[in-house]
Amino acid sequence: MRRLASSESGFTLVELLIAMVVMAIGISAIVAGYSSGLLGVNRARLTSTAGTLADKQMEAYRQGSFSSVPTTLQTATTPAGPDGHTYWMQVGGLWSCAVGTYSAGPPASCSGSTPASNPVKRVTITVRDGSATAKVLFTEDATFDASTG
């Protein structure tokens, strides 16, 4: 038994260095995964809040009258989200046709389609990350028809 115990040797210095390098690579991969996960969660938080702000504004137009729906590019606003972050939001509206070509008239009409369609207001809400030149986080479109609202 003593002979077996005395013949066993420990790790050599080379084996120890190789084990340390493998361990360092593994730990680096875990740290990289963790930091990219944090970036993904932050991006999702910003996008989700931007979507909520756009939905809130669009719902205000849906609850209002058809005449309150904008048909031009509105002045940008900078609402603060519930997360305390400031967003840049702009509402743009225009007259359009679901089918055919819009003619301002008078009277306003849609032509070139069978059956003819009525002019509609198309609203686009764009939310960016804090300024007019920042990354677009969320965009929402909706159409409003005079006969339904």
Protein backbone atom coordinates (compact mmCIF):
# COMPACT_ATOMS: atom_id res chain seq x y z
CA MET A 1 0.00 0.00 0.00
CA ARG A 2 2.90 2.37 0.81
CA ARG A 3 4.46 1.70 -2.56
CA LEU A 4 1.20 2.72 -4.37
CA ALA A 5 0.91 5.93 -2.36
CA SER A 6 4.49 6.93 -3.00
CA SER A 7 4.23 6.37 -6.79
CA GLU A 8 1.27 8.74 -7.19
CA SER A 9 2.37 12.17 -8.20
CA GLY A 10 0.35 15.39 -8.21
CA PHE A 11 -0.36 17.75 -11.08
CA THR A 12 2.62 18.99 -12.95
CA LEU A 13 3.00 22.70 -13.52
CA VAL A 14 2.01 22.36 -17.21
CA GLU A 15 -1.16 20.46 -16.33
CA LEU A 16 -2.05 23.09 -13.77
CA LEU A 17 -1.54 25.92 -16.28
CA ILE A 18 -3.70 24.16 -18.88
CA ALA A 19 -6.47 23.65 -16.31
CA MET A 20 -6.31 27.33 -15.35
CA VAL A 21 -6.54 28.46 -18.99
CA VAL A 22 -9.56 26.22 -19.61
CA MET A 23 -11.20 27.54 -16.44
CA ALA A 24 -10.49 31.17 -17.42
CA ILE A 25 -12.07 30.62 -20.87
CA GLY A 26 -15.16 29.10 -19.28
CA ILE A 27 -15.55 31.94 -16.79
CA SER A 28 -15.07 34.52 -19.57
CA ALA A 29 -17.86 32.90 -21.57
CA ILE A 30 -20.20 33.03 -18.59
CA VAL A 31 -19.43 36.70 -17.97
CA ALA A 32 -19.95 37.55 -21.66
CA GLY A 33 -23.30 35.75 -21.65
CA TYR A 34 -24.37 37.58 -18.53
CA SER A 35 -23.48 41.03 -19.91
CA SER A 36 -25.23 40.38 -23.24
CA GLY A 37 -28.27 39.21 -21.28
CA LEU A 38 -28.30 42.48 -19.36
CA LEU A 39 -28.13 44.45 -22.62
CA GLY A 40 -31.01 42.41 -24.04
CA VAL A 41 -33.17 42.99 -20.97
CA ASN A 42 -32.45 46.74 -21.07
CA ARG A 43 -33.31 46.93 -24.78
CA ALA A 44 -36.56 45.03 -24.16
CA ARG A 45 -37.44 47.37 -21.29
CA LEU A 46 -36.99 50.45 -23.49
CA THR A 47 -38.95 48.94 -26.40
CA SER A 48 -41.78 47.80 -24.15
CA THR A 49 -42.13 51.20 -22.49
CA ALA A 50 -41.98 52.96 -25.88
CA GLY A 51 -44.77 50.69 -27.12
CA THR A 52 -46.87 51.50 -24.08
CA LEU A 53 -46.44 55.25 -24.65
CA ALA A 54 -47.41 54.89 -28.33
CA ASP A 55 -50.44 52.74 -27.43
CA LYS A 56 -51.57 55.28 -24.86
CA GLN A 57 -51.43 58.10 -27.43
CA MET A 58 -53.20 56.01 -30.09
CA GLU A 59 -55.96 55.11 -27.63
CA ALA A 60 -56.47 58.82 -26.95
CA TYR A 61 -57.14 59.31 -30.68
CA ARG A 62 -59.45 56.28 -30.77
CA GLN A 63 -61.52 57.66 -27.90
CA GLY A 64 -61.74 61.14 -29.43
CA SER A 65 -63.75 62.36 -32.38
CA PHE A 66 -62.71 61.87 -36.00
CA SER A 67 -62.01 65.60 -36.34
CA SER A 68 -59.44 65.42 -33.49
CA VAL A 69 -57.28 62.92 -35.42
CA PRO A 70 -54.31 64.81 -36.89
CA THR A 71 -53.65 65.02 -40.64
CA THR A 72 -50.21 66.68 -40.45
CA LEU A 73 -46.91 66.06 -38.73
CA GLN A 74 -47.28 67.13 -35.09
CA THR A 75 -44.63 68.75 -32.91
CA ALA A 76 -42.55 66.11 -31.15
CA THR A 77 -43.00 65.57 -27.43
CA THR A 78 -40.62 64.11 -24.87
CA PRO A 79 -42.71 62.10 -22.43
CA ALA A 80 -41.10 60.37 -19.48
CA GLY A 81 -41.90 56.71 -19.06
CA PRO A 82 -42.71 55.03 -15.77
CA ASP A 83 -39.09 53.89 -15.73
CA GLY A 84 -37.94 57.53 -15.46
CA HIS A 85 -36.35 57.45 -18.94
CA THR A 86 -37.20 60.27 -21.39
CA TYR A 87 -38.49 59.24 -24.81
CA TRP A 88 -38.98 61.25 -28.02
CA MET A 89 -42.41 60.78 -29.59
CA GLN A 90 -43.82 62.25 -32.80
CA VAL A 91 -47.26 61.80 -34.32
CA GLY A 92 -47.76 62.12 -38.04
CA GLY A 93 -51.07 62.04 -39.82
CA LEU A 94 -52.21 62.19 -43.42
CA TRP A 95 -55.21 61.62 -45.60
CA SER A 96 -55.11 58.36 -47.50
CA CYS A 97 -57.25 55.79 -49.24
CA ALA A 98 -57.58 52.16 -48.27
CA VAL A 99 -57.94 51.39 -51.98
CA GLY A 100 -57.25 53.77 -54.84
CA THR A 101 -55.70 57.22 -55.06
CA TYR A 102 -56.51 60.10 -52.72
CA SER A 103 -57.69 63.38 -54.22
CA ALA A 104 -57.90 66.43 -51.94
CA GLY A 105 -60.89 67.71 -53.82
CA PRO A 106 -63.06 69.54 -52.94
CA PRO A 107 -64.67 67.29 -52.01
CA ALA A 108 -61.97 64.86 -50.91
CA SER A 109 -62.35 61.48 -52.57
CA CYS A 110 -60.64 58.24 -53.56
CA SER A 111 -60.50 57.27 -57.21
CA GLY A 112 -59.20 54.42 -59.32
CA SER A 113 -60.80 51.57 -57.43
CA THR A 114 -63.91 49.48 -57.75
CA PRO A 115 -65.78 49.75 -55.49
CA ALA A 116 -64.81 53.27 -54.47
CA SER A 117 -63.47 53.74 -50.96
CA ASN A 118 -63.78 56.68 -48.60
CA PRO A 119 -60.78 58.80 -47.59
CA VAL A 120 -59.28 57.76 -44.25
CA LYS A 121 -56.85 59.38 -41.86
CA ARG A 122 -53.66 57.40 -41.35
CA VAL A 123 -51.78 58.11 -38.10
CA THR A 124 -48.20 57.00 -37.43
CA ILE A 125 -46.62 57.31 -34.00
CA THR A 126 -42.83 57.01 -33.78
CA VAL A 127 -41.04 56.68 -30.44
CA ARG A 128 -37.27 57.09 -30.22
CA ASP A 129 -34.75 56.76 -27.43
CA GLY A 130 -34.59 60.32 -26.13
CA SER A 131 -33.96 62.47 -29.23
CA ALA A 132 -34.95 62.97 -32.88
CA THR A 133 -31.74 61.32 -34.09
CA ALA A 134 -31.74 58.38 -31.67
CA LYS A 135 -32.65 54.79 -32.48
CA VAL A 136 -36.32 54.11 -33.28
CA LEU A 137 -37.72 51.96 -30.50
CA PHE A 138 -41.33 51.58 -31.62
CA THR A 139 -43.62 52.60 -34.48
CA GLU A 140 -47.39 52.21 -34.56
CA ASP A 141 -49.84 52.88 -37.42
CA ALA A 142 -53.62 53.06 -37.49
CA THR A 143 -56.29 54.26 -39.88
CA PHE A 144 -59.39 56.19 -38.90
CA ASP A 145 -62.55 56.29 -41.01
CA ALA A 146 -65.16 59.03 -40.63
CA SER A 147 -67.98 56.47 -40.84
CA THR A 148 -66.73 54.56 -37.81
CA GLY A 149 -65.77 57.35 -35.49
